[in-house]
Amino acid sequence: MSVRKDEPQGIGEVLQQFTKVNKLEPGLDNVKVEDLWAKLLGPGVQAYTESVRLSSDTLYVGLTSSVLREELSYGKDNIIAMLNEGLQKNCIKKLVLR
């Protein structure tokens, strides 16, 4: 990142380079997934959510309601698709509801 360029760069481009060079993308994706989970699934589901953690390509979600866990398990593929669309990349391959 110490290479100097003749033409000016936008702040977005510089931040993307910085996150790639310093390998910050997995941590940023984890934060984004937590926010997307709350936003896309709503306050009803968020009230029963204990934890949301992205580890490699698997999303682990801790729920306090077994009924909700069973209901969400029927729509795992749709939830994965919605979250990947919100992240604008396919980093979630598997969803584990606990």
C-alpha atoms as a PDB file:
ATOM      1  CA  MET A   1       0.000   0.000   0.000  1.00  0.00           C
ATOM      2  CA  SER A   2       3.027   2.243   0.011  1.00  0.00           C
ATOM      3  CA  VAL A   3       2.938   2.533  -3.780  1.00  0.00           C
ATOM      4  CA  ARG A   4       2.195   6.070  -4.835  1.00  0.00           C
ATOM      5  CA  LYS A   5      -0.080   6.640  -7.822  1.00  0.00           C
ATOM      6  CA  ASP A   6      -0.141   9.657 -10.081  1.00  0.00           C
ATOM      7  CA  GLU A   7      -3.903   9.987 -10.237  1.00  0.00           C
ATOM      8  CA  PRO A   8      -6.128  10.592  -7.204  1.00  0.00           C
ATOM      9  CA  GLN A   9      -8.227   7.753  -5.795  1.00  0.00           C
ATOM     10  CA  GLY A  10     -11.629   7.856  -4.178  1.00  0.00           C
ATOM     11  CA  ILE A  11     -11.953   7.129  -0.477  1.00  0.00           C
ATOM     12  CA  GLY A  12     -14.036   4.009  -1.196  1.00  0.00           C
ATOM     13  CA  GLU A  13     -11.324   2.544  -3.382  1.00  0.00           C
ATOM     14  CA  VAL A  14      -8.649   3.295  -0.788  1.00  0.00           C
ATOM     15  CA  LEU A  15     -10.720   1.669   1.972  1.00  0.00           C
ATOM     16  CA  GLN A  16     -11.272  -1.459  -0.143  1.00  0.00           C
ATOM     17  CA  GLN A  17      -7.544  -1.768  -0.741  1.00  0.00           C
ATOM     18  CA  PHE A  18      -6.860  -1.247   2.956  1.00  0.00           C
ATOM     19  CA  THR A  19      -9.303  -3.980   4.018  1.00  0.00           C
ATOM     20  CA  LYS A  20      -7.852  -6.435   1.496  1.00  0.00           C
ATOM     21  CA  VAL A  21      -4.232  -5.752   2.407  1.00  0.00           C
ATOM     22  CA  ASN A  22      -4.911  -6.017   6.155  1.00  0.00           C
ATOM     23  CA  LYS A  23      -7.306  -9.002   5.771  1.00  0.00           C
ATOM     24  CA  LEU A  24     -10.191  -7.271   7.536  1.00  0.00           C
ATOM     25  CA  GLU A  25     -12.963  -8.552   5.244  1.00  0.00           C
ATOM     26  CA  PRO A  26     -14.014 -11.573   7.380  1.00  0.00           C
ATOM     27  CA  GLY A  27     -14.502  -9.380  10.440  1.00  0.00           C
ATOM     28  CA  LEU A  28     -16.433  -6.777   8.488  1.00  0.00           C
ATOM     29  CA  ASP A  29     -18.607  -9.504   6.939  1.00  0.00           C
ATOM     30  CA  ASN A  30     -19.404 -10.813  10.433  1.00  0.00           C
ATOM     31  CA  VAL A  31     -20.607  -7.377  11.554  1.00  0.00           C
ATOM     32  CA  LYS A  32     -22.621  -6.894   8.357  1.00  0.00           C
ATOM     33  CA  VAL A  33     -24.300 -10.305   8.755  1.00  0.00           C
ATOM     34  CA  GLU A  34     -25.414  -9.467  12.298  1.00  0.00           C
ATOM     35  CA  ASP A  35     -26.993  -6.231  11.090  1.00  0.00           C
ATOM     36  CA  LEU A  36     -28.609  -7.909   8.077  1.00  0.00           C
ATOM     37  CA  TRP A  37     -30.054 -10.704  10.231  1.00  0.00           C
ATOM     38  CA  ALA A  38     -31.844  -8.152  12.416  1.00  0.00           C
ATOM     39  CA  LYS A  39     -32.944  -6.033   9.456  1.00  0.00           C
ATOM     40  CA  LEU A  40     -34.157  -8.791   7.103  1.00  0.00           C
ATOM     41  CA  LEU A  41     -35.821 -11.104   9.612  1.00  0.00           C
ATOM     42  CA  GLY A  42     -37.379  -8.363  11.690  1.00  0.00           C
ATOM     43  CA  PRO A  43     -37.791  -7.572  15.368  1.00  0.00           C
ATOM     44  CA  GLY A  44     -39.869 -10.692  16.081  1.00  0.00           C
ATOM     45  CA  VAL A  45     -37.031 -13.032  15.160  1.00  0.00           C
ATOM     46  CA  GLN A  46     -34.391 -10.698  16.597  1.00  0.00           C
ATOM     47  CA  ALA A  47     -36.098 -10.884  20.005  1.00  0.00           C
ATOM     48  CA  TYR A  48     -35.359 -14.634  20.127  1.00  0.00           C
ATOM     49  CA  THR A  49     -31.845 -14.405  18.653  1.00  0.00           C
ATOM     50  CA  GLU A  50     -28.943 -14.871  21.083  1.00  0.00           C
ATOM     51  CA  SER A  51     -26.003 -14.812  18.707  1.00  0.00           C
ATOM     52  CA  VAL A  52     -25.117 -14.543  15.030  1.00  0.00           C
ATOM     53  CA  ARG A  53     -21.618 -15.602  14.000  1.00  0.00           C
ATOM     54  CA  LEU A  54     -20.068 -16.142  10.577  1.00  0.00           C
ATOM     55  CA  SER A  55     -17.238 -18.665  10.508  1.00  0.00           C
ATOM     56  CA  SER A  56     -15.651 -19.287   7.084  1.00  0.00           C
ATOM     57  CA  ASP A  57     -18.721 -20.077   4.917  1.00  0.00           C
ATOM     58  CA  THR A  58     -21.115 -21.162   7.706  1.00  0.00           C
ATOM     59  CA  LEU A  59     -23.494 -18.882   9.603  1.00  0.00           C
ATOM     60  CA  TYR A  60     -24.226 -19.997  13.173  1.00  0.00           C
ATOM     61  CA  VAL A  61     -27.360 -18.522  14.757  1.00  0.00           C
ATOM     62  CA  GLY A  62     -28.290 -19.135  18.377  1.00  0.00           C
ATOM     63  CA  LEU A  63     -32.021 -18.977  19.062  1.00  0.00           C
ATOM     64  CA  THR A  64     -33.895 -19.158  22.372  1.00  0.00           C
ATOM     65  CA  SER A  65     -37.104 -20.563  20.866  1.00  0.00           C
ATOM     66  CA  SER A  66     -37.208 -24.147  19.615  1.00  0.00           C
ATOM     67  CA  VAL A  67     -40.449 -23.427  17.755  1.00  0.00           C
ATOM     68  CA  LEU A  68     -38.855 -20.537  15.863  1.00  0.00           C
ATOM     69  CA  ARG A  69     -35.757 -22.652  15.161  1.00  0.00           C
ATOM     70  CA  GLU A  70     -37.941 -25.348  13.591  1.00  0.00           C
ATOM     71  CA  GLU A  71     -39.925 -22.808  11.570  1.00  0.00           C
ATOM     72  CA  LEU A  72     -36.789 -21.073  10.238  1.00  0.00           C
ATOM     73  CA  SER A  73     -35.206 -24.410   9.329  1.00  0.00           C
ATOM     74  CA  TYR A  74     -37.817 -24.831   6.582  1.00  0.00           C
ATOM     75  CA  GLY A  75     -36.626 -21.649   4.856  1.00  0.00           C
ATOM     76  CA  LYS A  76     -32.848 -21.989   5.251  1.00  0.00           C
ATOM     77  CA  ASP A  77     -32.160 -21.692   1.518  1.00  0.00           C
ATOM     78  CA  ASN A  78     -34.233 -18.509   1.255  1.00  0.00           C
ATOM     79  CA  ILE A  79     -32.541 -16.988   4.307  1.00  0.00           C
ATOM     80  CA  ILE A  80     -29.079 -17.767   2.888  1.00  0.00           C
ATOM     81  CA  ALA A  81     -30.052 -16.211  -0.452  1.00  0.00           C
ATOM     82  CA  MET A  82     -31.392 -13.042   1.218  1.00  0.00           C
ATOM     83  CA  LEU A  83     -28.289 -12.617   3.379  1.00  0.00           C
ATOM     84  CA  ASN A  84     -25.901 -13.210   0.470  1.00  0.00           C
ATOM     85  CA  GLU A  85     -27.822 -10.671  -1.597  1.00  0.00           C
ATOM     86  CA  GLY A  86     -27.583  -8.152   1.235  1.00  0.00           C
ATOM     87  CA  LEU A  87     -23.827  -8.768   1.551  1.00  0.00           C
ATOM     88  CA  GLN A  88     -23.497  -8.523  -2.250  1.00  0.00           C
ATOM     89  CA  LYS A  89     -21.356 -11.677  -2.356  1.00  0.00           C
ATOM     90  CA  ASN A  90     -21.840 -15.401  -1.844  1.00  0.00           C
ATOM     91  CA  CYS A  91     -19.943 -15.937   1.389  1.00  0.00           C
ATOM     92  CA  ILE A  92     -22.643 -17.953   3.225  1.00  0.00           C
ATOM     93  CA  LYS A  93     -23.050 -21.531   2.051  1.00  0.00           C
ATOM     94  CA  LYS A  94     -24.564 -23.148   5.140  1.00  0.00           C
ATOM     95  CA  LEU A  95     -26.879 -22.008   7.963  1.00  0.00           C
ATOM     96  CA  VAL A  96     -26.789 -23.734  11.359  1.00  0.00           C
ATOM     97  CA  LEU A  97     -29.612 -22.882  13.756  1.00  0.00           C
ATOM     98  CA  ARG A  98     -28.882 -23.738  17.392  1.00  0.00           C
END
